[in-house]
Amino acid sequence: MIAVKGIYDGKNILPLESLPKNKKFKVLITLLEEFSDDEEIRIFSSQNDAFSFWNNEKEDIYQDFI
């Protein structure tokens, strides 16, 4: 399962992270909560990916034992 942050503007879904290309996936869309104002949208969309460290080999603690 892959989870990707995004914004739904009432008509379109805008992913805020990269999506896998050239593959087909089943999709479950969950609307979490409504934004209260435009400032909250700007703050949410400017957040860095919290799990980007997983792509960094230096952060892979399990490789230390190999």
C-alpha atoms as a PDB file:
ATOM      1  CA  MET A   1       0.000   0.000   0.000  1.00  0.00           C
ATOM      2  CA  ILE A   2       1.243   3.461  -0.868  1.00  0.00           C
ATOM      3  CA  ALA A   3      -0.162   6.556   0.873  1.00  0.00           C
ATOM      4  CA  VAL A   4       0.208   9.945  -0.823  1.00  0.00           C
ATOM      5  CA  LYS A   5      -0.829  13.330   0.557  1.00  0.00           C
ATOM      6  CA  GLY A   6      -3.018  15.442  -1.661  1.00  0.00           C
ATOM      7  CA  ILE A   7      -5.603  18.195  -1.827  1.00  0.00           C
ATOM      8  CA  TYR A   8      -9.145  17.890  -3.173  1.00  0.00           C
ATOM      9  CA  ASP A   9     -10.509  21.248  -4.322  1.00  0.00           C
ATOM     10  CA  GLY A  10     -14.094  20.115  -4.816  1.00  0.00           C
ATOM     11  CA  LYS A  11     -13.480  19.069  -8.432  1.00  0.00           C
ATOM     12  CA  ASN A  12      -9.952  17.656  -8.758  1.00  0.00           C
ATOM     13  CA  ILE A  13      -7.472  15.743  -6.642  1.00  0.00           C
ATOM     14  CA  LEU A  14      -3.956  17.223  -6.613  1.00  0.00           C
ATOM     15  CA  PRO A  15      -1.286  14.804  -5.319  1.00  0.00           C
ATOM     16  CA  LEU A  16       1.436  16.551  -3.306  1.00  0.00           C
ATOM     17  CA  GLU A  17       3.924  13.713  -3.770  1.00  0.00           C
ATOM     18  CA  SER A  18       5.108  11.619  -6.691  1.00  0.00           C
ATOM     19  CA  LEU A  19       2.906   8.772  -7.849  1.00  0.00           C
ATOM     20  CA  PRO A  20       4.185   5.497  -9.341  1.00  0.00           C
ATOM     21  CA  LYS A  21       4.241   5.632 -13.136  1.00  0.00           C
ATOM     22  CA  ASN A  22       3.374   2.991 -15.722  1.00  0.00           C
ATOM     23  CA  LYS A  23       1.621   0.733 -13.209  1.00  0.00           C
ATOM     24  CA  LYS A  24      -2.031   0.161 -12.361  1.00  0.00           C
ATOM     25  CA  PHE A  25      -3.246   0.336  -8.765  1.00  0.00           C
ATOM     26  CA  LYS A  26      -6.516   0.003  -6.947  1.00  0.00           C
ATOM     27  CA  VAL A  27      -7.249   3.315  -5.231  1.00  0.00           C
ATOM     28  CA  LEU A  28      -9.053   4.180  -2.019  1.00  0.00           C
ATOM     29  CA  ILE A  29      -9.723   7.894  -1.618  1.00  0.00           C
ATOM     30  CA  THR A  30     -10.312   9.066   1.956  1.00  0.00           C
ATOM     31  CA  LEU A  31     -11.281  12.671   2.675  1.00  0.00           C
ATOM     32  CA  LEU A  32      -9.758  13.454   6.065  1.00  0.00           C
ATOM     33  CA  GLU A  33     -10.945  16.905   7.025  1.00  0.00           C
ATOM     34  CA  GLU A  34     -11.963  20.157   5.401  1.00  0.00           C
ATOM     35  CA  PHE A  35      -9.460  23.013   5.259  1.00  0.00           C
ATOM     36  CA  SER A  36     -10.605  26.068   7.173  1.00  0.00           C
ATOM     37  CA  ASP A  37      -8.854  28.667   4.982  1.00  0.00           C
ATOM     38  CA  ASP A  38      -6.325  29.239   2.176  1.00  0.00           C
ATOM     39  CA  GLU A  39      -3.462  29.738   4.643  1.00  0.00           C
ATOM     40  CA  GLU A  40      -4.012  26.254   6.043  1.00  0.00           C
ATOM     41  CA  ILE A  41      -3.826  24.829   2.495  1.00  0.00           C
ATOM     42  CA  ARG A  42      -0.527  26.643   1.847  1.00  0.00           C
ATOM     43  CA  ILE A  43       0.983  25.307   5.081  1.00  0.00           C
ATOM     44  CA  PHE A  44      -0.172  21.745   4.377  1.00  0.00           C
ATOM     45  CA  SER A  45       1.056  21.686   0.789  1.00  0.00           C
ATOM     46  CA  SER A  46       4.486  23.109   1.704  1.00  0.00           C
ATOM     47  CA  GLN A  47       5.283  20.358   4.223  1.00  0.00           C
ATOM     48  CA  ASN A  48       8.150  18.058   3.319  1.00  0.00           C
ATOM     49  CA  ASP A  49       7.583  14.354   2.947  1.00  0.00           C
ATOM     50  CA  ALA A  50       8.005  12.952   6.450  1.00  0.00           C
ATOM     51  CA  PHE A  51       9.210   9.600   5.140  1.00  0.00           C
ATOM     52  CA  SER A  52      11.719  10.768   2.525  1.00  0.00           C
ATOM     53  CA  PHE A  53      14.539   9.474   4.755  1.00  0.00           C
ATOM     54  CA  TRP A  54      13.526   5.919   3.749  1.00  0.00           C
ATOM     55  CA  ASN A  55      15.061   6.594   0.324  1.00  0.00           C
ATOM     56  CA  ASN A  56      18.409   7.516   1.894  1.00  0.00           C
ATOM     57  CA  GLU A  57      20.714   4.480   2.225  1.00  0.00           C
ATOM     58  CA  LYS A  58      22.600   6.163   5.079  1.00  0.00           C
ATOM     59  CA  GLU A  59      19.387   6.086   7.139  1.00  0.00           C
ATOM     60  CA  ASP A  60      18.791   2.362   6.560  1.00  0.00           C
ATOM     61  CA  ILE A  61      19.626   1.005  10.028  1.00  0.00           C
ATOM     62  CA  TYR A  62      19.033  -2.600   8.945  1.00  0.00           C
ATOM     63  CA  GLN A  63      21.998  -2.490   6.535  1.00  0.00           C
ATOM     64  CA  ASP A  64      24.342  -1.995   9.497  1.00  0.00           C
ATOM     65  CA  PHE A  65      24.122  -5.703  10.297  1.00  0.00           C
ATOM     66  CA  ILE A  66      24.819  -7.022   6.793  1.00  0.00           C
END
